[in-house]
Amino acid sequence: MSEKESITTEQVTVRRSPKFLAFMIAGIILGIVAALILTFSLPNDSEFTLTQIFGFMLLITGTLGGTLGLVFALIADRYYSRHVTQATAEHIEVTKK
């Protein structure tokens, strides 16, 4: 069997992009840590238990942390979109006959 190989060369744009899910998860984890700190650092003068207070704080800080993580990812994406480079790519196609 003989193989036929064709090579095409073209210019491509290379751009870095952040992983949005990783930024959101990091923000949520920071929100969980903030909820733990706030739960045990504030005085408990209410009718709620520490578990309930932690749940309320977790809803608030987890949501805020995830949102801030995504906002930070958008800012990073805007920054990296200005730093694009051009590269030469070769596409090699092999066909068997």
PDB file of N, CA and C in Angstrom:
ATOM      1  N   MET A   1       0.833  -1.174   0.000  1.00  0.00           N
ATOM      2  CA  MET A   1       0.000   0.000   0.000  1.00  0.00           C
ATOM      3  C   MET A   1       0.877   1.236   0.000  1.00  0.00           C
ATOM      4  N   SER A   2       0.461   2.189  -0.763  1.00  0.00           N
ATOM      5  CA  SER A   2       1.200   3.444  -0.785  1.00  0.00           C
ATOM      6  C   SER A   2       0.404   4.506  -0.036  1.00  0.00           C
ATOM      7  N   GLU A   3       1.136   5.407   0.548  1.00  0.00           N
ATOM      8  CA  GLU A   3       0.504   6.493   1.292  1.00  0.00           C
ATOM      9  C   GLU A   3       0.792   7.808   0.597  1.00  0.00           C
ATOM     10  N   LYS A   4      -0.217   8.626   0.537  1.00  0.00           N
ATOM     11  CA  LYS A   4      -0.056   9.949  -0.045  1.00  0.00           C
ATOM     12  C   LYS A   4      -0.135  10.968   1.089  1.00  0.00           C
ATOM     13  N   GLU A   5       0.814  11.848   1.131  1.00  0.00           N
ATOM     14  CA  GLU A   5       0.891  12.832   2.217  1.00  0.00           C
ATOM     15  C   GLU A   5       0.782  14.227   1.633  1.00  0.00           C
ATOM     16  N   SER A   6      -0.133  15.019   2.187  1.00  0.00           N
ATOM     17  CA  SER A   6      -0.255  16.409   1.754  1.00  0.00           C
ATOM     18  C   SER A   6      -0.126  17.321   2.971  1.00  0.00           C
ATOM     19  N   ILE A   7       0.665  18.362   2.792  1.00  0.00           N
ATOM     20  CA  ILE A   7       0.940  19.300   3.887  1.00  0.00           C
ATOM     21  C   ILE A   7       0.428  20.674   3.485  1.00  0.00           C
ATOM     22  N   THR A   8      -0.401  21.247   4.344  1.00  0.00           N
ATOM     23  CA  THR A   8      -0.854  22.624   4.135  1.00  0.00           C
ATOM     24  C   THR A   8      -0.398  23.470   5.313  1.00  0.00           C
ATOM     25  N   THR A   9       0.005  24.677   5.013  1.00  0.00           N
ATOM     26  CA  THR A   9       0.494  25.606   6.036  1.00  0.00           C
ATOM     27  C   THR A   9      -0.440  26.808   6.073  1.00  0.00           C
ATOM     28  N   GLU A  10      -0.779  27.234   7.305  1.00  0.00           N
ATOM     29  CA  GLU A  10      -1.638  28.414   7.446  1.00  0.00           C
ATOM     30  C   GLU A  10      -1.294  29.158   8.728  1.00  0.00           C
ATOM     31  N   GLN A  11      -1.645  30.418   8.772  1.00  0.00           N
ATOM     32  CA  GLN A  11      -1.426  31.263   9.939  1.00  0.00           C
ATOM     33  C   GLN A  11      -2.604  31.092  10.901  1.00  0.00           C
ATOM     34  N   VAL A  12      -2.321  30.898  12.192  1.00  0.00           N
ATOM     35  CA  VAL A  12      -3.363  30.765  13.203  1.00  0.00           C
ATOM     36  C   VAL A  12      -3.100  31.754  14.326  1.00  0.00           C
ATOM     37  N   THR A  13      -4.148  32.095  15.038  1.00  0.00           N
ATOM     38  CA  THR A  13      -4.050  32.981  16.192  1.00  0.00           C
ATOM     39  C   THR A  13      -4.056  32.145  17.460  1.00  0.00           C
ATOM     40  N   VAL A  14      -3.061  32.364  18.324  1.00  0.00           N
ATOM     41  CA  VAL A  14      -2.944  31.617  19.573  1.00  0.00           C
ATOM     42  C   VAL A  14      -3.259  32.573  20.724  1.00  0.00           C
ATOM     43  N   ARG A  15      -4.211  32.164  21.570  1.00  0.00           N
ATOM     44  CA  ARG A  15      -4.632  33.012  22.681  1.00  0.00           C
ATOM     45  C   ARG A  15      -4.857  32.149  23.911  1.00  0.00           C
ATOM     46  N   ARG A  16      -4.347  32.615  25.049  1.00  0.00           N
ATOM     47  CA  ARG A  16      -4.583  31.905  26.303  1.00  0.00           C
ATOM     48  C   ARG A  16      -5.961  32.285  26.841  1.00  0.00           C
ATOM     49  N   SER A  17      -6.593  31.350  27.508  1.00  0.00           N
ATOM     50  CA  SER A  17      -7.914  31.599  28.078  1.00  0.00           C
ATOM     51  C   SER A  17      -8.013  30.900  29.428  1.00  0.00           C
ATOM     52  N   PRO A  18      -8.555  31.588  30.444  1.00  0.00           N
ATOM     53  CA  PRO A  18      -8.684  30.938  31.754  1.00  0.00           C
ATOM     54  C   PRO A  18      -9.815  29.929  31.764  1.00  0.00           C
ATOM     55  N   LYS A  19      -9.723  28.978  32.678  1.00  0.00           N
ATOM     56  CA  LYS A  19     -10.790  27.990  32.853  1.00  0.00           C
ATOM     57  C   LYS A  19     -11.786  28.557  33.862  1.00  0.00           C
ATOM     58  N   PHE A  20     -12.971  28.904  33.376  1.00  0.00           N
ATOM     59  CA  PHE A  20     -13.960  29.591  34.197  1.00  0.00           C
ATOM     60  C   PHE A  20     -14.438  28.731  35.364  1.00  0.00           C
ATOM     61  N   LEU A  21     -14.590  27.441  35.143  1.00  0.00           N
ATOM     62  CA  LEU A  21     -15.068  26.557  36.202  1.00  0.00           C
ATOM     63  C   LEU A  21     -14.074  26.512  37.362  1.00  0.00           C
ATOM     64  N   ALA A  22     -12.790  26.509  37.042  1.00  0.00           N
ATOM     65  CA  ALA A  22     -11.773  26.480  38.103  1.00  0.00           C
ATOM     66  C   ALA A  22     -11.829  27.755  38.944  1.00  0.00           C
ATOM     67  N   PHE A  23     -12.027  28.899  38.313  1.00  0.00           N
ATOM     68  CA  PHE A  23     -12.134  30.151  39.055  1.00  0.00           C
ATOM     69  C   PHE A  23     -13.388  30.165  39.929  1.00  0.00           C
ATOM     70  N   MET A  24     -14.500  29.638  39.404  1.00  0.00           N
ATOM     71  CA  MET A  24     -15.733  29.612  40.177  1.00  0.00           C
ATOM     72  C   MET A  24     -15.597  28.677  41.379  1.00  0.00           C
ATOM     73  N   ILE A  25     -15.000  27.514  41.187  1.00  0.00           N
ATOM     74  CA  ILE A  25     -14.823  26.573  42.295  1.00  0.00           C
ATOM     75  C   ILE A  25     -13.887  27.153  43.349  1.00  0.00           C
ATOM     76  N   ALA A  26     -12.831  27.836  42.916  1.00  0.00           N
ATOM     77  CA  ALA A  26     -11.918  28.477  43.874  1.00  0.00           C
ATOM     78  C   ALA A  26     -12.647  29.554  44.675  1.00  0.00           C
ATOM     79  N   GLY A  27     -13.528  30.311  44.028  1.00  0.00           N
ATOM     80  CA  GLY A  27     -14.309  31.326  44.733  1.00  0.00           C
ATOM     81  C   GLY A  27     -15.271  30.713  45.728  1.00  0.00           C
ATOM     82  N   ILE A  28     -15.886  29.593  45.371  1.00  0.00           N
ATOM     83  CA  ILE A  28     -16.801  28.914  46.285  1.00  0.00           C
ATOM     84  C   ILE A  28     -16.043  28.366  47.488  1.00  0.00           C
ATOM     85  N   ILE A  29     -14.860  27.803  47.259  1.00  0.00           N
ATOM     86  CA  ILE A  29     -14.063  27.285  48.372  1.00  0.00           C
ATOM     87  C   ILE A  29     -13.665  28.415  49.317  1.00  0.00           C
ATOM     88  N   LEU A  30     -13.276  29.561  48.758  1.00  0.00           N
ATOM     89  CA  LEU A  30     -12.967  30.709  49.611  1.00  0.00           C
ATOM     90  C   LEU A  30     -14.209  31.185  50.359  1.00  0.00           C
ATOM     91  N   GLY A  31     -15.374  31.077  49.727  1.00  0.00           N
ATOM     92  CA  GLY A  31     -16.623  31.427  50.402  1.00  0.00           C
ATOM     93  C   GLY A  31     -16.934  30.487  51.554  1.00  0.00           C
ATOM     94  N   ILE A  32     -16.626  29.197  51.398  1.00  0.00           N
ATOM     95  CA  ILE A  32     -16.825  28.231  52.484  1.00  0.00           C
ATOM     96  C   ILE A  32     -15.922  28.565  53.661  1.00  0.00           C
ATOM     97  N   VAL A  33     -14.668  28.893  53.357  1.00  0.00           N
ATOM     98  CA  VAL A  33     -13.731  29.262  54.428  1.00  0.00           C
ATOM     99  C   VAL A  33     -14.201  30.529  55.134  1.00  0.00           C
ATOM    100  N   ALA A  34     -14.685  31.488  54.366  1.00  0.00           N
ATOM    101  CA  ALA A  34     -15.190  32.727  54.972  1.00  0.00           C
ATOM    102  C   ALA A  34     -16.412  32.449  55.839  1.00  0.00           C
ATOM    103  N   ALA A  35     -17.276  31.533  55.407  1.00  0.00           N
ATOM    104  CA  ALA A  35     -18.451  31.185  56.212  1.00  0.00           C
ATOM    105  C   ALA A  35     -18.042  30.543  57.532  1.00  0.00           C
ATOM    106  N   LEU A  36     -17.039  29.678  57.501  1.00  0.00           N
ATOM    107  CA  LEU A  36     -16.543  29.069  58.740  1.00  0.00           C
ATOM    108  C   LEU A  36     -15.990  30.128  59.693  1.00  0.00           C
ATOM    109  N   ILE A  37     -15.198  31.030  59.150  1.00  0.00           N
ATOM    110  CA  ILE A  37     -14.606  32.075  59.993  1.00  0.00           C
ATOM    111  C   ILE A  37     -15.681  32.978  60.573  1.00  0.00           C
ATOM    112  N   LEU A  38     -16.643  33.393  59.744  1.00  0.00           N
ATOM    113  CA  LEU A  38     -17.704  34.280  60.229  1.00  0.00           C
ATOM    114  C   LEU A  38     -18.611  33.588  61.244  1.00  0.00           C
ATOM    115  N   THR A  39     -18.880  32.311  61.049  1.00  0.00           N
ATOM    116  CA  THR A  39     -19.761  31.589  61.967  1.00  0.00           C
ATOM    117  C   THR A  39     -19.186  31.533  63.369  1.00  0.00           C
ATOM    118  N   PHE A  40     -17.910  31.236  63.472  1.00  0.00           N
ATOM    119  CA  PHE A  40     -17.324  31.057  64.791  1.00  0.00           C
ATOM    120  C   PHE A  40     -16.709  32.320  65.373  1.00  0.00           C
ATOM    121  N   SER A  41     -16.587  33.392  64.568  1.00  0.00           N
ATOM    122  CA  SER A  41     -16.015  34.626  65.113  1.00  0.00           C
ATOM    123  C   SER A  41     -17.086  35.598  65.620  1.00  0.00           C
ATOM    124  N   LEU A  42     -18.294  35.487  65.100  1.00  0.00           N
ATOM    125  CA  LEU A  42     -19.366  36.380  65.547  1.00  0.00           C
ATOM    126  C   LEU A  42     -20.054  35.788  66.775  1.00  0.00           C
ATOM    127  N   PRO A  43     -20.516  36.638  67.692  1.00  0.00           N
ATOM    128  CA  PRO A  43     -21.209  36.107  68.878  1.00  0.00           C
ATOM    129  C   PRO A  43     -22.573  35.517  68.502  1.00  0.00           C
ATOM    130  N   ASN A  44     -22.964  34.477  69.223  1.00  0.00           N
ATOM    131  CA  ASN A  44     -24.228  33.805  68.946  1.00  0.00           C
ATOM    132  C   ASN A  44     -25.261  34.264  69.977  1.00  0.00           C
ATOM    133  N   ASP A  45     -25.916  35.390  69.712  1.00  0.00           N
ATOM    134  CA  ASP A  45     -26.941  35.927  70.599  1.00  0.00           C
ATOM    135  C   ASP A  45     -28.336  35.700  70.039  1.00  0.00           C
ATOM    136  N   SER A  46     -28.459  34.830  69.056  1.00  0.00           N
ATOM    137  CA  SER A  46     -29.757  34.637  68.421  1.00  0.00           C
ATOM    138  C   SER A  46     -30.358  33.293  68.811  1.00  0.00           C
ATOM    139  N   GLU A  47     -31.526  33.037  68.266  1.00  0.00           N
ATOM    140  CA  GLU A  47     -32.223  31.790  68.547  1.00  0.00           C
ATOM    141  C   GLU A  47     -31.796  30.667  67.607  1.00  0.00           C
ATOM    142  N   PHE A  48     -30.868  30.947  66.705  1.00  0.00           N
ATOM    143  CA  PHE A  48     -30.409  29.962  65.734  1.00  0.00           C
ATOM    144  C   PHE A  48     -29.201  29.204  66.273  1.00  0.00           C
ATOM    145  N   THR A  49     -29.054  27.955  65.853  1.00  0.00           N
ATOM    146  CA  THR A  49     -27.893  27.168  66.253  1.00  0.00           C
ATOM    147  C   THR A  49     -26.708  27.512  65.348  1.00  0.00           C
ATOM    148  N   LEU A  50     -25.529  27.063  65.737  1.00  0.00           N
ATOM    149  CA  LEU A  50     -24.339  27.328  64.925  1.00  0.00           C
ATOM    150  C   LEU A  50     -24.439  26.679  63.540  1.00  0.00           C
ATOM    151  N   THR A  51     -25.086  25.534  63.489  1.00  0.00           N
ATOM    152  CA  THR A  51     -25.255  24.863  62.198  1.00  0.00           C
ATOM    153  C   THR A  51     -26.140  25.679  61.266  1.00  0.00           C
ATOM    154  N   GLN A  52     -27.203  26.248  61.796  1.00  0.00           N
ATOM    155  CA  GLN A  52     -28.088  27.075  60.980  1.00  0.00           C
ATOM    156  C   GLN A  52     -27.385  28.357  60.542  1.00  0.00           C
ATOM    157  N   ILE A  53     -26.640  28.957  61.451  1.00  0.00           N
ATOM    158  CA  ILE A  53     -25.897  30.169  61.099  1.00  0.00           C
ATOM    159  C   ILE A  53     -24.866  29.860  60.012  1.00  0.00           C
ATOM    160  N   PHE A  54     -24.172  28.723  60.159  1.00  0.00           N
ATOM    161  CA  PHE A  54     -23.208  28.325  59.130  1.00  0.00           C
ATOM    162  C   PHE A  54     -23.905  28.121  57.788  1.00  0.00           C
ATOM    163  N   GLY A  55     -25.080  27.535  57.771  1.00  0.00           N
ATOM    164  CA  GLY A  55     -25.830  27.337  56.530  1.00  0.00           C
ATOM    165  C   GLY A  55     -26.195  28.650  55.870  1.00  0.00           C
ATOM    166  N   PHE A  56     -26.668  29.615  56.669  1.00  0.00           N
ATOM    167  CA  PHE A  56     -27.004  30.932  56.118  1.00  0.00           C
ATOM    168  C   PHE A  56     -25.761  31.610  55.555  1.00  0.00           C
ATOM    169  N   MET A  57     -24.688  31.570  56.330  1.00  0.00           N
ATOM    170  CA  MET A  57     -23.444  32.200  55.878  1.00  0.00           C
ATOM    171  C   MET A  57     -22.904  31.508  54.632  1.00  0.00           C
ATOM    172  N   LEU A  58     -23.053  30.190  54.577  1.00  0.00           N
ATOM    173  CA  LEU A  58     -22.567  29.435  53.429  1.00  0.00           C
ATOM    174  C   LEU A  58     -23.316  29.823  52.160  1.00  0.00           C
ATOM    175  N   LEU A  59     -24.614  30.007  52.275  1.00  0.00           N
ATOM    176  CA  LEU A  59     -25.392  30.439  51.104  1.00  0.00           C
ATOM    177  C   LEU A  59     -24.924  31.801  50.611  1.00  0.00           C
ATOM    178  N   ILE A  60     -24.702  32.709  51.534  1.00  0.00           N
ATOM    179  CA  ILE A  60     -24.318  34.065  51.148  1.00  0.00           C
ATOM    180  C   ILE A  60     -22.890  34.106  50.620  1.00  0.00           C
ATOM    181  N   THR A  61     -21.944  33.593  51.409  1.00  0.00           N
ATOM    182  CA  THR A  61     -20.537  33.719  51.015  1.00  0.00           C
ATOM    183  C   THR A  61     -20.171  32.780  49.863  1.00  0.00           C
ATOM    184  N   GLY A  62     -20.801  31.631  49.773  1.00  0.00           N
ATOM    185  CA  GLY A  62     -20.534  30.732  48.647  1.00  0.00           C
ATOM    186  C   GLY A  62     -20.982  31.340  47.330  1.00  0.00           C
ATOM    187  N   THR A  63     -22.162  31.959  47.345  1.00  0.00           N
ATOM    188  CA  THR A  63     -22.669  32.617  46.141  1.00  0.00           C
ATOM    189  C   THR A  63     -21.793  33.802  45.757  1.00  0.00           C
ATOM    190  N   LEU A  64     -21.452  34.619  46.746  1.00  0.00           N
ATOM    191  CA  LEU A  64     -20.587  35.768  46.463  1.00  0.00           C
ATOM    192  C   LEU A  64     -19.205  35.325  45.991  1.00  0.00           C
ATOM    193  N   GLY A  65     -18.652  34.302  46.606  1.00  0.00           N
ATOM    194  CA  GLY A  65     -17.340  33.814  46.205  1.00  0.00           C
ATOM    195  C   GLY A  65     -17.332  33.272  44.788  1.00  0.00           C
ATOM    196  N   GLY A  66     -18.341  32.487  44.434  1.00  0.00           N
ATOM    197  CA  GLY A  66     -18.442  31.975  43.068  1.00  0.00           C
ATOM    198  C   GLY A  66     -18.605  33.077  42.045  1.00  0.00           C
ATOM    199  N   THR A  67     -19.419  34.075  42.391  1.00  0.00           N
ATOM    200  CA  THR A  67     -19.628  35.210  41.487  1.00  0.00           C
ATOM    201  C   THR A  67     -18.346  36.011  41.318  1.00  0.00           C
ATOM    202  N   LEU A  68     -17.658  36.289  42.422  1.00  0.00           N
ATOM    203  CA  LEU A  68     -16.404  37.031  42.323  1.00  0.00           C
ATOM    204  C   LEU A  68     -15.337  36.238  41.576  1.00  0.00           C
ATOM    205  N   GLY A  69     -15.336  34.918  41.718  1.00  0.00           N
ATOM    206  CA  GLY A  69     -14.409  34.088  40.953  1.00  0.00           C
ATOM    207  C   GLY A  69     -14.657  34.197  39.453  1.00  0.00           C
ATOM    208  N   LEU A  70     -15.929  34.198  39.066  1.00  0.00           N
ATOM    209  CA  LEU A  70     -16.256  34.343  37.646  1.00  0.00           C
ATOM    210  C   LEU A  70     -15.920  35.734  37.122  1.00  0.00           C
ATOM    211  N   VAL A  71     -16.146  36.762  37.941  1.00  0.00           N
ATOM    212  CA  VAL A  71     -15.786  38.120  37.533  1.00  0.00           C
ATOM    213  C   VAL A  71     -14.275  38.225  37.342  1.00  0.00           C
ATOM    214  N   PHE A  72     -13.508  37.627  38.259  1.00  0.00           N
ATOM    215  CA  PHE A  72     -12.061  37.636  38.129  1.00  0.00           C
ATOM    216  C   PHE A  72     -11.619  36.880  36.871  1.00  0.00           C
ATOM    217  N   ALA A  73     -12.298  35.783  36.540  1.00  0.00           N
ATOM    218  CA  ALA A  73     -11.975  35.036  35.318  1.00  0.00           C
ATOM    219  C   ALA A  73     -12.270  35.867  34.077  1.00  0.00           C
ATOM    220  N   LEU A  74     -13.368  36.634  34.108  1.00  0.00           N
ATOM    221  CA  LEU A  74     -13.674  37.517  32.974  1.00  0.00           C
ATOM    222  C   LEU A  74     -12.616  38.588  32.804  1.00  0.00           C
ATOM    223  N   ILE A  75     -12.152  39.152  33.920  1.00  0.00           N
ATOM    224  CA  ILE A  75     -11.092  40.164  33.850  1.00  0.00           C
ATOM    225  C   ILE A  75      -9.811  39.547  33.289  1.00  0.00           C
ATOM    226  N   ALA A  76      -9.469  38.344  33.745  1.00  0.00           N
ATOM    227  CA  ALA A  76      -8.282  37.664  33.228  1.00  0.00           C
ATOM    228  C   ALA A  76      -8.440  37.341  31.739  1.00  0.00           C
ATOM    229  N   ASP A  77      -9.644  36.971  31.325  1.00  0.00           N
ATOM    230  CA  ASP A  77      -9.890  36.677  29.917  1.00  0.00           C
ATOM    231  C   ASP A  77      -9.722  37.923  29.059  1.00  0.00           C
ATOM    232  N   ARG A  78     -10.201  39.051  29.544  1.00  0.00           N
ATOM    233  CA  ARG A  78     -10.027  40.313  28.809  1.00  0.00           C
ATOM    234  C   ARG A  78      -8.551  40.681  28.707  1.00  0.00           C
ATOM    235  N   TYR A  79      -7.814  40.453  29.775  1.00  0.00           N
ATOM    236  CA  TYR A  79      -6.389  40.762  29.764  1.00  0.00           C
ATOM    237  C   TYR A  79      -5.650  39.874  28.765  1.00  0.00           C
ATOM    238  N   TYR A  80      -5.923  38.580  28.767  1.00  0.00           N
ATOM    239  CA  TYR A  80      -5.236  37.661  27.865  1.00  0.00           C
ATOM    240  C   TYR A  80      -5.703  37.806  26.425  1.00  0.00           C
ATOM    241  N   SER A  81      -6.892  38.340  26.191  1.00  0.00           N
ATOM    242  CA  SER A  81      -7.354  38.507  24.814  1.00  0.00           C
ATOM    243  C   SER A  81      -6.570  39.595  24.100  1.00  0.00           C
ATOM    244  N   ARG A  82      -5.928  40.486  24.836  1.00  0.00           N
ATOM    245  CA  ARG A  82      -5.095  41.523  24.221  1.00  0.00           C
ATOM    246  C   ARG A  82      -3.718  40.986  23.854  1.00  0.00           C
ATOM    247  N   HIS A  83      -3.335  39.881  24.435  1.00  0.00           N
ATOM    248  CA  HIS A  83      -2.009  39.323  24.209  1.00  0.00           C
ATOM    249  C   HIS A  83      -2.094  38.089  23.309  1.00  0.00           C
ATOM    250  N   VAL A  84      -2.464  38.312  22.067  1.00  0.00           N
ATOM    251  CA  VAL A  84      -2.559  37.215  21.119  1.00  0.00           C
ATOM    252  C   VAL A  84      -1.288  37.178  20.278  1.00  0.00           C
ATOM    253  N   THR A  85      -0.944  36.011  19.824  1.00  0.00           N
ATOM    254  CA  THR A  85       0.216  35.854  18.954  1.00  0.00           C
ATOM    255  C   THR A  85      -0.194  35.090  17.709  1.00  0.00           C
ATOM    256  N   GLN A  86       0.556  35.305  16.673  1.00  0.00           N
ATOM    257  CA  GLN A  86       0.336  34.594  15.419  1.00  0.00           C
ATOM    258  C   GLN A  86       1.366  33.481  15.316  1.00  0.00           C
ATOM    259  N   ALA A  87       0.939  32.330  14.828  1.00  0.00           N
ATOM    260  CA  ALA A  87       1.838  31.196  14.658  1.00  0.00           C
ATOM    261  C   ALA A  87       1.532  30.514  13.323  1.00  0.00           C
ATOM    262  N   THR A  88       2.484  29.763  12.875  1.00  0.00           N
ATOM    263  CA  THR A  88       2.318  29.006  11.641  1.00  0.00           C
ATOM    264  C   THR A  88       2.023  27.555  12.013  1.00  0.00           C
ATOM    265  N   ALA A  89       0.930  27.044  11.473  1.00  0.00           N
ATOM    266  CA  ALA A  89       0.532  25.672  11.750  1.00  0.00           C
ATOM    267  C   ALA A  89       0.597  24.853  10.468  1.00  0.00           C
ATOM    268  N   GLU A  90       1.058  23.633  10.593  1.00  0.00           N
ATOM    269  CA  GLU A  90       1.109  22.728   9.455  1.00  0.00           C
ATOM    270  C   GLU A  90       0.091  21.613   9.666  1.00  0.00           C
ATOM    271  N   HIS A  91      -0.728  21.403   8.676  1.00  0.00           N
ATOM    272  CA  HIS A  91      -1.724  20.329   8.716  1.00  0.00           C
ATOM    273  C   HIS A  91      -1.252  19.232   7.777  1.00  0.00           C
ATOM    274  N   ILE A  92      -0.962  18.063   8.340  1.00  0.00           N
ATOM    275  CA  ILE A  92      -0.468  16.942   7.536  1.00  0.00           C
ATOM    276  C   ILE A  92      -1.604  15.932   7.397  1.00  0.00           C
ATOM    277  N   GLU A  93      -1.951  15.624   6.182  1.00  0.00           N
ATOM    278  CA  GLU A  93      -3.023  14.671   5.914  1.00  0.00           C
ATOM    279  C   GLU A  93      -2.432  13.479   5.157  1.00  0.00           C
ATOM    280  N   VAL A  94      -2.615  12.294   5.707  1.00  0.00           N
ATOM    281  CA  VAL A  94      -2.081  11.078   5.107  1.00  0.00           C
ATOM    282  C   VAL A  94      -3.253  10.229   4.641  1.00  0.00           C
ATOM    283  N   THR A  95      -3.234   9.836   3.380  1.00  0.00           N
ATOM    284  CA  THR A  95      -4.281   8.977   2.836  1.00  0.00           C
ATOM    285  C   THR A  95      -3.626   7.689   2.338  1.00  0.00           C
ATOM    286  N   LYS A  96      -4.258   6.576   2.610  1.00  0.00           N
ATOM    287  CA  LYS A  96      -3.738   5.265   2.173  1.00  0.00           C
ATOM    288  C   LYS A  96      -4.450   4.864   0.897  1.00  0.00           C
ATOM    289  N   LYS A  97      -3.665   4.349   0.004  1.00  0.00           N
ATOM    290  CA  LYS A  97      -4.240   3.876  -1.260  1.00  0.00           C
ATOM    291  C   LYS A  97      -3.968   2.425  -1.455  1.00  0.00           C
TER     292      LYS A  97
END
